[in-house]
C-alpha cells in the first residue's frame, strides 16, 4: 500500500487574521484623526459686567445669521462652565469671534 500523505494547502486564515487586526487598530485611529483636523476657532477675551449672562454675551457678538444657542454652547465648553453657572463681574471669558 501507499503511505497516506496529507497535502499542505495554503489557507486564507492568516490573511483574514491580519486584515482583522488592521481593521481593529487602523479604523479607530483614522476616525479619531478626523476630529482634530478642523480649523482652529479664534476667541476674544470678554470681561463680564454686572447682569451679563452667557446668552447675552454671545448674542451681542454673533452675526445676525449665526446660531446663538450653538455659540453659547461653545462658550460654555471653552470656559469649562456648567450650564447653570453664575457669572461674576470682572470674570474673563473666551467668546468665539
Protein backbone atom coordinates (compact mmCIF):
# COMPACT_ATOMS: atom_id res chain seq x y z
CA UNK A 1 0.00 0.00 0.00
CA UNK A 2 0.91 3.55 -0.45
CA UNK A 3 1.52 5.65 2.63
CA UNK A 4 -1.03 8.39 3.14
CA UNK A 5 0.46 11.85 2.97
CA UNK A 6 -1.53 14.89 3.69
CA UNK A 7 -1.01 17.60 1.12
CA UNK A 8 -0.28 21.01 2.52
CA UNK A 9 -2.62 23.66 1.30
CA UNK A 10 -2.35 27.36 1.63
CA UNK A 11 -5.20 28.71 3.73
CA UNK A 12 -6.69 32.14 3.99
CA UNK A 13 -6.86 32.12 7.78
CA UNK A 14 -3.59 34.03 8.38
CA UNK A 15 -4.60 36.64 5.81
CA UNK A 16 -8.02 37.05 7.41
CA UNK A 17 -6.44 37.40 10.85
CA UNK A 18 -4.02 40.05 9.60
CA UNK A 19 -6.79 42.04 7.90
CA UNK A 20 -8.97 41.89 11.00
CA UNK A 21 -6.10 43.22 13.14
CA UNK A 22 -5.56 46.06 10.70
CA UNK A 23 -9.26 46.91 10.81
CA UNK A 24 -9.39 46.77 14.61
CA UNK A 25 -6.47 49.15 15.08
CA UNK A 26 -6.42 51.32 11.94
CA UNK A 27 -10.08 52.30 11.59
CA UNK A 28 -10.48 53.86 15.06
CA UNK A 29 -7.23 55.76 14.58
CA UNK A 30 -8.50 57.17 11.29
CA UNK A 31 -11.85 58.19 12.84
CA UNK A 32 -10.17 59.97 15.75
CA UNK A 33 -7.77 61.83 13.48
CA UNK A 34 -10.64 63.49 11.65
CA UNK A 35 -11.84 65.15 14.85
CA UNK A 36 -8.65 67.15 15.24
CA UNK A 37 -8.22 68.25 11.62
CA UNK A 38 -10.77 71.05 11.72
CA UNK A 39 -9.66 74.66 11.59
CA UNK A 40 -8.98 76.24 14.99
CA UNK A 41 -11.56 78.59 16.48
CA UNK A 42 -10.38 82.09 17.35
CA UNK A 43 -11.57 83.58 20.62
CA UNK A 44 -11.96 87.07 22.02
CA UNK A 45 -11.47 87.76 25.71
CA UNK A 46 -14.55 89.37 27.22
CA UNK A 47 -14.83 90.83 30.72
CA UNK A 48 -18.16 90.06 32.39
CA UNK A 49 -20.15 93.08 33.58
CA UNK A 50 -22.93 93.08 36.20
CA UNK A 51 -26.07 91.40 34.84
CA UNK A 52 -24.30 89.57 31.99
CA UNK A 53 -25.20 86.01 31.12
CA UNK A 54 -23.54 83.67 28.65
CA UNK A 55 -26.52 84.14 26.34
CA UNK A 56 -26.36 87.95 26.44
CA UNK A 57 -22.59 87.99 25.84
CA UNK A 58 -22.93 85.72 22.84
CA UNK A 59 -26.00 87.49 21.43
CA UNK A 60 -24.09 90.79 21.32
CA UNK A 61 -21.14 89.29 19.42
CA UNK A 62 -22.57 86.85 16.86
CA UNK A 63 -23.81 87.87 13.46
CA UNK A 64 -27.50 88.01 12.52
CA UNK A 65 -27.35 84.67 10.68
CA UNK A 66 -25.42 82.81 13.42
CA UNK A 67 -26.97 80.36 15.86
CA UNK A 68 -26.81 81.93 19.33
CA UNK A 69 -27.55 78.63 21.07
CA UNK A 70 -24.63 76.86 19.38
CA UNK A 71 -22.29 79.77 20.13
CA UNK A 72 -23.40 79.75 23.79
CA UNK A 73 -22.61 76.04 23.97
CA UNK A 74 -19.14 76.76 22.54
CA UNK A 75 -18.55 79.42 25.21
CA UNK A 76 -19.64 77.03 27.97
CA UNK A 77 -17.31 74.31 26.69
CA UNK A 78 -14.35 76.64 26.03
CA UNK A 79 -14.55 78.14 29.52
CA UNK A 80 -15.30 74.85 31.33
CA UNK A 81 -18.56 76.20 32.77
CA UNK A 82 -21.59 74.30 33.95
CA UNK A 83 -24.85 75.05 32.17
CA UNK A 84 -26.30 76.75 35.25
CA UNK A 85 -23.09 78.55 36.29
CA UNK A 86 -23.36 82.09 37.67
CA UNK A 87 -21.10 84.68 36.04
CA UNK A 88 -19.37 87.18 38.29
CA UNK A 89 -18.45 90.75 37.29
CA UNK A 90 -14.77 91.01 36.33
CA UNK A 91 -14.57 87.41 35.18
CA UNK A 92 -12.83 86.92 31.81
CA UNK A 93 -14.49 84.59 29.30
CA UNK A 94 -13.38 83.36 25.90
CA UNK A 95 -16.03 84.04 23.28
CA UNK A 96 -15.67 82.78 19.67
CA UNK A 97 -15.26 85.52 17.07
